[in-house]
N, C-alpha and C. Protein backbone atom coordinates (compact mmCIF):
# COMPACT_ATOMS: atom_id res chain seq x y z
N UNK A 1 125.78 30.47 100.99
CA UNK A 1 125.14 30.96 102.21
C UNK A 1 126.18 31.71 103.05
N UNK A 2 125.79 32.89 103.52
CA UNK A 2 126.66 33.72 104.34
C UNK A 2 125.92 34.07 105.62
N UNK A 3 126.61 33.92 106.76
CA UNK A 3 126.00 34.30 108.04
C UNK A 3 126.65 35.59 108.54
N UNK A 4 125.80 36.58 108.79
CA UNK A 4 126.23 37.88 109.32
C UNK A 4 125.65 38.05 110.71
N UNK A 5 126.50 38.31 111.68
CA UNK A 5 126.02 38.66 113.01
C UNK A 5 125.79 40.16 113.03
N UNK A 6 124.60 40.57 113.44
CA UNK A 6 124.21 41.97 113.53
C UNK A 6 124.15 42.32 115.01
N UNK A 7 124.93 43.34 115.40
CA UNK A 7 125.00 43.71 116.81
C UNK A 7 125.12 45.22 116.95
N UNK A 8 124.91 45.70 118.17
CA UNK A 8 124.99 47.14 118.42
C UNK A 8 125.09 47.40 119.91
N UNK A 9 125.40 48.64 120.23
CA UNK A 9 125.28 49.17 121.59
C UNK A 9 125.92 48.29 122.65
N UNK A 10 127.21 48.02 122.46
CA UNK A 10 127.94 47.19 123.42
C UNK A 10 128.28 47.98 124.69
N UNK A 11 128.55 49.27 124.56
CA UNK A 11 128.78 50.15 125.71
C UNK A 11 129.78 49.59 126.72
N UNK A 12 130.94 49.17 126.21
CA UNK A 12 132.01 48.68 127.08
C UNK A 12 133.09 49.77 127.12
N UNK A 13 133.45 50.34 128.25
CA UNK A 13 133.19 49.86 129.60
C UNK A 13 132.13 50.64 130.38
N UNK A 14 131.46 51.62 129.79
CA UNK A 14 130.59 52.49 130.59
C UNK A 14 129.39 51.77 131.20
N UNK A 15 128.85 50.76 130.49
CA UNK A 15 127.65 50.08 131.00
C UNK A 15 127.81 48.56 131.10
N UNK A 16 128.93 48.04 130.63
CA UNK A 16 129.16 46.59 130.69
C UNK A 16 130.66 46.34 130.77
N UNK A 17 131.03 45.23 131.38
CA UNK A 17 132.44 44.87 131.51
C UNK A 17 132.99 44.26 130.22
N UNK A 18 132.15 43.65 129.43
CA UNK A 18 132.58 43.02 128.19
C UNK A 18 131.44 42.28 127.54
N UNK A 19 131.72 41.69 126.39
CA UNK A 19 130.71 40.92 125.68
C UNK A 19 130.44 39.61 126.40
N UNK A 20 129.20 39.19 126.47
CA UNK A 20 128.90 37.86 127.02
C UNK A 20 129.60 36.78 126.18
N UNK A 21 129.96 35.68 126.81
CA UNK A 21 130.66 34.60 126.11
C UNK A 21 129.90 34.10 124.90
N UNK A 22 128.57 33.97 125.02
CA UNK A 22 127.80 33.45 123.89
C UNK A 22 127.82 34.41 122.70
N UNK A 23 127.88 35.73 122.96
CA UNK A 23 127.99 36.71 121.87
C UNK A 23 129.36 36.59 121.22
N UNK A 24 130.40 36.46 122.02
CA UNK A 24 131.75 36.28 121.49
C UNK A 24 131.80 35.05 120.57
N UNK A 25 131.15 33.97 120.99
CA UNK A 25 131.11 32.75 120.18
C UNK A 25 130.41 32.99 118.85
N UNK A 26 129.29 33.73 118.87
CA UNK A 26 128.56 34.03 117.62
C UNK A 26 129.43 34.86 116.68
N UNK A 27 130.11 35.86 117.23
CA UNK A 27 130.97 36.73 116.41
C UNK A 27 132.09 35.91 115.76
N UNK A 28 132.73 35.06 116.53
CA UNK A 28 133.81 34.21 116.00
C UNK A 28 133.32 33.30 114.87
N UNK A 29 132.12 32.78 114.99
CA UNK A 29 131.59 31.80 114.04
C UNK A 29 131.05 32.43 112.76
N UNK A 30 130.77 33.72 112.77
CA UNK A 30 130.12 34.39 111.64
C UNK A 30 131.09 34.61 110.48
N UNK A 31 130.52 34.70 109.28
CA UNK A 31 131.31 35.06 108.11
C UNK A 31 131.61 36.55 108.09
N UNK A 32 130.74 37.34 108.70
CA UNK A 32 130.91 38.79 108.75
C UNK A 32 130.12 39.32 109.94
N UNK A 33 130.54 40.47 110.45
CA UNK A 33 129.85 41.11 111.58
C UNK A 33 129.50 42.54 111.18
N UNK A 34 128.29 42.94 111.50
CA UNK A 34 127.84 44.33 111.35
C UNK A 34 127.59 44.86 112.75
N UNK A 35 128.20 46.01 113.06
CA UNK A 35 128.01 46.65 114.37
C UNK A 35 127.47 48.05 114.13
N UNK A 36 126.30 48.35 114.70
CA UNK A 36 125.62 49.63 114.47
C UNK A 36 125.99 50.70 115.48
N UNK A 37 127.19 50.65 116.01
CA UNK A 37 127.72 51.75 116.82
C UNK A 37 127.49 51.64 118.31
N UNK A 38 128.12 52.57 119.02
CA UNK A 38 128.20 52.61 120.48
C UNK A 38 129.00 51.43 121.03
N UNK A 39 130.20 51.28 120.46
CA UNK A 39 131.18 50.38 121.09
C UNK A 39 131.48 50.95 122.47
N UNK A 40 131.67 52.28 122.51
CA UNK A 40 131.92 53.04 123.74
C UNK A 40 133.40 53.30 123.99
N UNK A 41 134.29 52.51 123.39
CA UNK A 41 135.72 52.70 123.62
C UNK A 41 136.52 52.07 122.48
N UNK A 42 137.74 52.53 122.33
CA UNK A 42 138.64 51.94 121.34
C UNK A 42 138.93 50.48 121.66
N UNK A 43 139.03 50.16 122.94
CA UNK A 43 139.29 48.78 123.35
C UNK A 43 138.13 47.86 122.97
N UNK A 44 136.90 48.34 123.13
CA UNK A 44 135.74 47.53 122.77
C UNK A 44 135.70 47.28 121.26
N UNK A 45 136.02 48.32 120.48
CA UNK A 45 136.09 48.15 119.03
C UNK A 45 137.16 47.12 118.66
N UNK A 46 138.34 47.26 119.25
CA UNK A 46 139.45 46.34 118.96
C UNK A 46 139.08 44.90 119.32
N UNK A 47 138.35 44.72 120.41
CA UNK A 47 137.92 43.39 120.82
C UNK A 47 137.02 42.75 119.77
N UNK A 48 136.00 43.48 119.33
CA UNK A 48 135.09 42.94 118.32
C UNK A 48 135.84 42.69 117.01
N UNK A 49 136.68 43.63 116.63
CA UNK A 49 137.44 43.48 115.38
C UNK A 49 138.34 42.24 115.42
N UNK A 50 138.93 41.96 116.59
CA UNK A 50 139.83 40.80 116.71
C UNK A 50 139.07 39.47 116.64
N UNK A 51 137.81 39.48 117.04
CA UNK A 51 137.00 38.26 117.01
C UNK A 51 136.38 37.99 115.64
N UNK A 52 136.13 39.06 114.89
CA UNK A 52 135.36 38.96 113.65
C UNK A 52 136.24 38.59 112.45
N UNK A 53 135.66 37.79 111.56
CA UNK A 53 136.32 37.45 110.30
C UNK A 53 136.32 38.66 109.37
N UNK A 54 135.30 39.49 109.46
CA UNK A 54 135.17 40.74 108.73
C UNK A 54 134.22 41.62 109.51
N UNK A 55 134.45 42.93 109.51
CA UNK A 55 133.64 43.84 110.33
C UNK A 55 133.25 45.07 109.53
N UNK A 56 131.96 45.38 109.54
CA UNK A 56 131.44 46.65 109.03
C UNK A 56 130.83 47.36 110.23
N UNK A 57 131.33 48.57 110.53
CA UNK A 57 130.88 49.27 111.73
C UNK A 57 130.69 50.75 111.45
N UNK A 58 129.81 51.36 112.23
CA UNK A 58 129.55 52.80 112.14
C UNK A 58 129.70 53.43 113.51
N UNK A 59 129.81 54.75 113.51
CA UNK A 59 129.94 55.50 114.75
C UNK A 59 128.59 55.68 115.43
N UNK A 60 128.58 55.48 116.72
CA UNK A 60 127.42 55.80 117.54
C UNK A 60 127.69 57.08 118.31
N UNK A 61 126.73 57.53 119.07
CA UNK A 61 126.88 58.79 119.78
C UNK A 61 127.82 58.72 120.97
N UNK A 62 128.26 57.52 121.38
CA UNK A 62 129.23 57.43 122.49
C UNK A 62 130.61 56.96 122.03
N UNK A 63 130.80 56.81 120.73
CA UNK A 63 132.08 56.30 120.24
C UNK A 63 133.12 57.41 120.14
N UNK A 64 134.38 57.10 120.50
CA UNK A 64 135.44 58.09 120.37
C UNK A 64 135.66 58.44 118.90
N UNK A 65 135.81 59.73 118.61
CA UNK A 65 136.04 60.15 117.22
C UNK A 65 137.34 59.58 116.67
N UNK A 66 138.27 59.24 117.55
CA UNK A 66 139.56 58.67 117.12
C UNK A 66 139.38 57.35 116.37
N UNK A 67 138.24 56.68 116.55
CA UNK A 67 138.00 55.44 115.82
C UNK A 67 137.84 55.70 114.32
N UNK A 68 137.41 56.92 113.97
CA UNK A 68 137.26 57.27 112.56
C UNK A 68 136.18 56.50 111.83
N UNK A 69 135.16 56.09 112.56
CA UNK A 69 134.08 55.32 111.94
C UNK A 69 133.12 56.24 111.19
N UNK A 70 132.58 55.78 110.07
CA UNK A 70 131.61 56.58 109.32
C UNK A 70 130.25 56.58 110.00
N UNK A 71 129.39 57.51 109.59
CA UNK A 71 128.02 57.52 110.11
C UNK A 71 127.15 56.50 109.40
N UNK A 72 127.49 56.20 108.16
CA UNK A 72 126.76 55.20 107.38
C UNK A 72 127.78 54.33 106.66
N UNK A 73 127.53 53.03 106.63
CA UNK A 73 128.38 52.10 105.88
C UNK A 73 127.49 51.08 105.19
N UNK A 74 128.00 50.49 104.13
CA UNK A 74 127.26 49.44 103.44
C UNK A 74 128.16 48.22 103.25
N UNK A 75 127.53 47.09 103.18
CA UNK A 75 128.24 45.84 102.91
C UNK A 75 127.29 44.94 102.12
N UNK A 76 127.83 44.19 101.19
CA UNK A 76 127.01 43.25 100.44
C UNK A 76 127.62 41.86 100.58
N UNK A 77 126.79 40.94 101.02
CA UNK A 77 127.19 39.54 101.19
C UNK A 77 126.02 38.66 100.77
N UNK A 78 126.31 37.58 100.08
CA UNK A 78 125.26 36.65 99.67
C UNK A 78 124.18 37.29 98.81
N UNK A 79 124.55 38.35 98.09
CA UNK A 79 123.59 39.03 97.23
C UNK A 79 122.63 39.96 97.96
N UNK A 80 122.87 40.20 99.25
CA UNK A 80 122.03 41.10 100.04
C UNK A 80 122.87 42.31 100.43
N UNK A 81 122.37 43.49 100.10
CA UNK A 81 123.07 44.74 100.42
C UNK A 81 122.49 45.30 101.72
N UNK A 82 123.38 45.59 102.68
CA UNK A 82 122.99 46.05 104.01
C UNK A 82 123.56 47.44 104.24
N UNK A 83 122.71 48.38 104.62
CA UNK A 83 123.14 49.73 105.02
C UNK A 83 123.09 49.80 106.55
N UNK A 84 124.12 50.39 107.14
CA UNK A 84 124.24 50.43 108.60
C UNK A 84 124.38 51.88 109.05
N UNK A 85 123.63 52.25 110.08
CA UNK A 85 123.74 53.55 110.72
C UNK A 85 123.40 53.37 112.19
N UNK A 86 123.85 54.30 113.03
CA UNK A 86 123.50 54.15 114.44
C UNK A 86 122.04 54.51 114.68
N UNK A 87 121.56 55.55 114.00
CA UNK A 87 120.16 55.92 114.11
C UNK A 87 119.87 57.09 115.02
N UNK A 88 120.90 57.68 115.61
CA UNK A 88 120.68 58.78 116.55
C UNK A 88 120.53 60.13 115.86
N UNK A 89 120.70 60.18 114.56
CA UNK A 89 120.63 61.45 113.84
C UNK A 89 119.40 61.55 112.93
N UNK A 90 118.39 60.75 113.17
CA UNK A 90 117.18 60.83 112.36
C UNK A 90 116.59 62.23 112.50
N UNK A 91 116.68 63.02 111.44
CA UNK A 91 116.31 64.43 111.49
C UNK A 91 114.81 64.67 111.42
N UNK A 92 114.13 63.85 110.66
CA UNK A 92 112.69 64.06 110.51
C UNK A 92 112.00 62.71 110.45
N UNK A 93 110.77 62.70 110.91
CA UNK A 93 110.02 61.45 110.88
C UNK A 93 110.44 60.52 112.00
N UNK A 94 110.01 59.31 111.90
CA UNK A 94 110.28 58.34 112.94
C UNK A 94 111.63 57.66 112.75
N UNK A 95 112.04 56.95 113.78
CA UNK A 95 113.27 56.16 113.73
C UNK A 95 113.23 55.21 112.53
N UNK A 96 112.11 54.53 112.36
CA UNK A 96 111.99 53.58 111.26
C UNK A 96 112.06 54.27 109.91
N UNK A 97 111.45 55.45 109.79
CA UNK A 97 111.55 56.21 108.54
C UNK A 97 113.00 56.57 108.25
N UNK A 98 113.74 56.94 109.29
CA UNK A 98 115.15 57.28 109.13
C UNK A 98 115.96 56.09 108.64
N UNK A 99 115.70 54.91 109.20
CA UNK A 99 116.40 53.71 108.73
C UNK A 99 116.05 53.42 107.27
N UNK A 100 114.79 53.56 106.94
CA UNK A 100 114.37 53.30 105.56
C UNK A 100 115.04 54.27 104.59
N UNK A 101 115.12 55.55 104.95
CA UNK A 101 115.80 56.54 104.11
C UNK A 101 117.26 56.15 103.91
N UNK A 102 117.91 55.71 104.98
CA UNK A 102 119.31 55.28 104.89
C UNK A 102 119.44 54.15 103.88
N UNK A 103 118.54 53.18 103.94
CA UNK A 103 118.59 52.06 103.00
C UNK A 103 118.36 52.52 101.57
N UNK A 104 117.37 53.38 101.36
CA UNK A 104 117.07 53.85 100.01
C UNK A 104 118.24 54.64 99.43
N UNK A 105 118.87 55.49 100.23
CA UNK A 105 120.02 56.27 99.76
C UNK A 105 121.19 55.38 99.39
N UNK A 106 121.29 54.22 100.03
CA UNK A 106 122.39 53.28 99.77
C UNK A 106 121.99 52.18 98.80
N UNK A 107 120.77 52.24 98.27
CA UNK A 107 120.25 51.19 97.40
C UNK A 107 120.39 49.82 98.07
N UNK A 108 120.00 49.77 99.34
CA UNK A 108 120.16 48.56 100.15
C UNK A 108 118.83 47.82 100.34
N UNK A 109 118.95 46.54 100.56
CA UNK A 109 117.79 45.68 100.84
C UNK A 109 117.42 45.71 102.31
N UNK A 110 118.43 45.93 103.16
CA UNK A 110 118.27 45.86 104.61
C UNK A 110 118.91 47.10 105.21
N UNK A 111 118.26 47.67 106.24
CA UNK A 111 118.84 48.76 107.01
C UNK A 111 119.00 48.30 108.45
N UNK A 112 120.19 48.52 109.01
CA UNK A 112 120.47 48.17 110.39
C UNK A 112 120.71 49.45 111.17
N UNK A 113 120.05 49.57 112.31
CA UNK A 113 120.27 50.69 113.21
C UNK A 113 120.46 50.20 114.63
N UNK A 114 120.87 51.09 115.48
CA UNK A 114 121.04 50.79 116.90
C UNK A 114 120.39 51.89 117.71
N UNK A 115 121.07 52.35 118.74
CA UNK A 115 120.74 53.50 119.56
C UNK A 115 119.61 53.28 120.56
N UNK A 116 118.53 52.64 120.17
CA UNK A 116 117.37 52.52 121.06
C UNK A 116 117.50 51.39 122.07
N UNK A 117 118.38 50.44 121.80
CA UNK A 117 118.56 49.23 122.63
C UNK A 117 117.31 48.36 122.62
N UNK A 118 116.44 48.59 121.65
CA UNK A 118 115.21 47.80 121.52
C UNK A 118 115.24 47.06 120.19
N UNK A 119 114.92 45.78 120.22
CA UNK A 119 114.97 44.99 118.99
C UNK A 119 113.86 45.39 118.03
N UNK A 120 114.18 45.27 116.74
CA UNK A 120 113.24 45.60 115.68
C UNK A 120 113.54 44.69 114.49
N UNK A 121 112.52 44.11 113.92
CA UNK A 121 112.62 43.36 112.67
C UNK A 121 111.31 43.58 111.94
N UNK A 122 111.36 44.47 110.94
CA UNK A 122 110.13 44.87 110.27
C UNK A 122 110.40 45.15 108.80
N UNK A 123 109.46 44.79 107.97
CA UNK A 123 109.50 45.17 106.56
C UNK A 123 108.71 46.46 106.41
N UNK A 124 109.33 47.46 105.79
CA UNK A 124 108.67 48.74 105.56
C UNK A 124 108.92 49.14 104.11
N UNK A 125 107.89 48.99 103.29
CA UNK A 125 107.96 49.38 101.88
C UNK A 125 109.18 48.80 101.19
N UNK A 126 109.29 47.49 101.21
CA UNK A 126 110.34 46.75 100.50
C UNK A 126 111.74 46.88 101.10
N UNK A 127 111.85 47.39 102.30
CA UNK A 127 113.13 47.45 103.00
C UNK A 127 112.97 46.72 104.33
N UNK A 128 113.90 45.85 104.65
CA UNK A 128 113.90 45.14 105.94
C UNK A 128 114.65 46.01 106.94
N UNK A 129 114.00 46.37 108.03
CA UNK A 129 114.58 47.20 109.07
C UNK A 129 114.95 46.33 110.26
N UNK A 130 116.20 46.46 110.72
CA UNK A 130 116.67 45.66 111.84
C UNK A 130 117.32 46.53 112.90
N UNK A 131 117.04 46.21 114.14
CA UNK A 131 117.78 46.73 115.29
C UNK A 131 117.99 45.53 116.21
N UNK A 132 119.26 45.17 116.45
CA UNK A 132 119.52 43.97 117.26
C UNK A 132 119.43 44.18 118.76
N UNK A 133 119.11 45.39 119.21
CA UNK A 133 119.12 45.67 120.65
C UNK A 133 120.54 45.91 121.12
N UNK A 134 120.84 45.57 122.34
CA UNK A 134 122.18 45.75 122.91
C UNK A 134 122.84 44.40 123.12
N UNK A 135 124.04 44.25 122.57
CA UNK A 135 124.75 42.97 122.67
C UNK A 135 125.20 42.65 124.09
N UNK A 136 125.19 43.64 124.96
CA UNK A 136 125.55 43.41 126.36
C UNK A 136 124.37 43.53 127.30
N UNK A 137 123.21 43.89 126.77
CA UNK A 137 122.03 44.07 127.61
C UNK A 137 122.00 45.40 128.32
N UNK A 138 122.75 46.39 127.79
CA UNK A 138 122.77 47.72 128.41
C UNK A 138 121.37 48.32 128.41
N UNK A 139 120.98 48.92 129.54
CA UNK A 139 119.65 49.51 129.70
C UNK A 139 119.39 50.53 128.59
N UNK A 140 118.16 50.57 128.09
CA UNK A 140 116.95 49.95 128.60
C UNK A 140 116.71 48.51 128.13
N UNK A 141 117.67 47.89 127.46
CA UNK A 141 117.51 46.48 127.10
C UNK A 141 117.39 45.65 128.37
N UNK A 142 116.64 44.58 128.29
CA UNK A 142 116.46 43.71 129.46
C UNK A 142 117.47 42.57 129.49
N UNK A 143 118.03 42.26 128.31
CA UNK A 143 119.00 41.17 128.21
C UNK A 143 119.83 41.36 126.95
N UNK A 144 121.01 40.76 126.90
CA UNK A 144 121.84 40.85 125.70
C UNK A 144 121.14 40.22 124.49
N UNK A 145 121.34 40.82 123.32
CA UNK A 145 120.74 40.26 122.11
C UNK A 145 121.59 40.59 120.89
N UNK A 146 121.56 39.70 119.92
CA UNK A 146 122.15 39.90 118.60
C UNK A 146 121.21 39.27 117.59
N UNK A 147 121.41 39.61 116.32
CA UNK A 147 120.66 38.98 115.24
C UNK A 147 121.63 38.24 114.34
N UNK A 148 121.14 37.17 113.75
CA UNK A 148 121.91 36.44 112.75
C UNK A 148 121.16 36.54 111.43
N UNK A 149 121.79 37.21 110.47
CA UNK A 149 121.22 37.37 109.14
C UNK A 149 121.90 36.34 108.24
N UNK A 150 121.12 35.48 107.64
CA UNK A 150 121.64 34.49 106.70
C UNK A 150 121.24 34.94 105.30
N UNK A 151 122.24 35.16 104.45
CA UNK A 151 122.00 35.66 103.09
C UNK A 151 122.41 34.60 102.07
N UNK A 152 121.50 34.33 101.15
CA UNK A 152 121.74 33.36 100.09
C UNK A 152 121.09 33.85 98.80
N UNK A 153 121.90 34.09 97.79
CA UNK A 153 121.41 34.46 96.47
C UNK A 153 120.37 35.57 96.51
N UNK A 154 120.65 36.62 97.26
CA UNK A 154 119.79 37.79 97.31
C UNK A 154 118.61 37.70 98.26
N UNK A 155 118.46 36.59 98.93
CA UNK A 155 117.39 36.42 99.92
C UNK A 155 118.00 36.35 101.31
N UNK A 156 117.24 36.79 102.32
CA UNK A 156 117.79 36.71 103.67
C UNK A 156 116.73 36.27 104.67
N UNK A 157 117.22 35.62 105.70
CA UNK A 157 116.41 35.30 106.87
C UNK A 157 117.12 35.90 108.07
N UNK A 158 116.35 36.25 109.08
CA UNK A 158 116.92 36.87 110.28
C UNK A 158 116.38 36.16 111.51
N UNK A 159 117.30 35.82 112.40
CA UNK A 159 116.94 35.21 113.68
C UNK A 159 117.46 36.09 114.80
N UNK A 160 116.62 36.34 115.78
CA UNK A 160 117.00 37.09 116.98
C UNK A 160 117.41 36.09 118.05
N UNK A 161 118.55 36.37 118.66
CA UNK A 161 118.98 35.53 119.78
C UNK A 161 119.21 36.43 120.97
N UNK A 162 118.62 36.06 122.08
CA UNK A 162 118.80 36.82 123.32
C UNK A 162 118.91 35.85 124.48
N UNK A 163 119.69 36.25 125.47
CA UNK A 163 119.86 35.40 126.66
C UNK A 163 120.02 36.27 127.88
């Protein structure tokens, strides 16, 4: 069993002073962390990286290019392959269609996106689509939220936590 914390849109320091303590605790306890972009600063990236046992992250539209983050990344844990993108470059179709395309191109079981600050957990044609909202509660989110993906032998469960 592997626990992955899925988070996005931290926006530190432009919209938040830092991660809430409970989010920091979740990141420390996880086997791996997926961040779907918009750290907002090199310091925010370094903070998450220092807390995480392992980190897979992508560039969001507010991230400094100096971070050198890719637009799409993949990680496989517990037999579940996860494709990650920020989601701000969906060229055609809906946001969800864009996430699904990202997963299909990466041969992934799960697609994680950010950008909207709105939570999403939906199955769309054999792909699980996730958006954890904003880990700091940056608007338009109403409160901080993250997801915990538990992967075991190719199967996964997802729990949304918000406070």
